[in-house]
């Protein structure tokens, strides 16, 4: 059994985050403000992580 953590990829910049989730910028910004989407503005750039996005999506589905 492989217990190693899943590989994750950093998403740097809003353009990369938007591309990863397949939605437009306004939708992603609304998700950040209203739905706890896992992204943060760090040193002037939006950052997220593919595994955090996958977890967030699963949580949204089961709500």
Protein backbone atom coordinates (compact mmCIF):
# COMPACT_ATOMS: atom_id res chain seq x y z
CA UNK A 1 0.00 0.00 0.00
CA UNK A 2 1.41 3.38 -1.02
CA UNK A 3 0.90 5.93 1.75
CA UNK A 4 2.95 8.69 0.13
CA UNK A 5 1.13 12.01 -0.27
CA UNK A 6 -0.38 12.70 -3.68
CA UNK A 7 1.66 14.84 -6.00
CA UNK A 8 0.44 18.41 -6.07
CA UNK A 9 1.14 21.27 -8.38
CA UNK A 10 1.23 24.90 -7.38
CA UNK A 11 -1.02 27.18 -9.39
CA UNK A 12 0.65 30.59 -9.57
CA UNK A 13 -1.33 33.47 -11.02
CA UNK A 14 -5.05 33.88 -11.51
CA UNK A 15 -4.73 32.91 -15.18
CA UNK A 16 -3.36 29.48 -14.22
CA UNK A 17 -6.01 28.97 -11.54
CA UNK A 18 -8.80 29.93 -13.96
CA UNK A 19 -7.39 27.61 -16.62
CA UNK A 20 -7.16 24.71 -14.15
CA UNK A 21 -10.78 24.97 -13.01
CA UNK A 22 -12.18 25.81 -16.45
CA UNK A 23 -14.20 28.82 -15.32
CA UNK A 24 -13.90 32.53 -15.95
CA UNK A 25 -12.08 35.01 -13.72
CA UNK A 26 -15.25 36.52 -12.26
CA UNK A 27 -16.54 33.10 -11.20
CA UNK A 28 -13.27 32.15 -9.51
CA UNK A 29 -13.09 35.50 -7.71
CA UNK A 30 -16.68 35.01 -6.49
CA UNK A 31 -15.80 31.50 -5.26
CA UNK A 32 -12.82 32.95 -3.35
CA UNK A 33 -14.99 35.64 -1.72
CA UNK A 34 -18.13 33.63 -1.05
CA UNK A 35 -17.35 29.92 -1.07
CA UNK A 36 -13.94 29.47 0.51
CA UNK A 37 -12.15 28.56 -2.72
CA UNK A 38 -8.54 27.74 -1.77
CA UNK A 39 -6.57 30.64 -3.24
CA UNK A 40 -4.67 33.45 -1.62
CA UNK A 41 -3.05 36.66 -2.82
CA UNK A 42 0.64 36.36 -1.88
CA UNK A 43 3.16 39.03 -2.81
CA UNK A 44 0.76 40.40 -5.43
CA UNK A 45 0.05 37.05 -7.16
CA UNK A 46 -2.84 34.66 -6.64
CA UNK A 47 -1.69 31.21 -5.57
CA UNK A 48 -3.44 27.89 -5.11
CA UNK A 49 -2.68 24.19 -5.36
CA UNK A 50 -4.22 21.45 -7.50
CA UNK A 51 -4.82 19.10 -4.56
CA UNK A 52 -6.50 21.83 -2.50
CA UNK A 53 -8.73 22.64 -5.46
CA UNK A 54 -9.65 18.94 -5.84
CA UNK A 55 -10.54 18.71 -2.14
CA UNK A 56 -12.61 21.91 -2.35
CA UNK A 57 -14.49 20.58 -5.38
CA UNK A 58 -15.31 17.31 -3.60
CA UNK A 59 -16.56 19.25 -0.57
CA UNK A 60 -18.80 21.39 -2.81
CA UNK A 61 -20.31 18.27 -4.38
CA UNK A 62 -21.25 16.68 -1.04
CA UNK A 63 -22.78 19.85 0.46
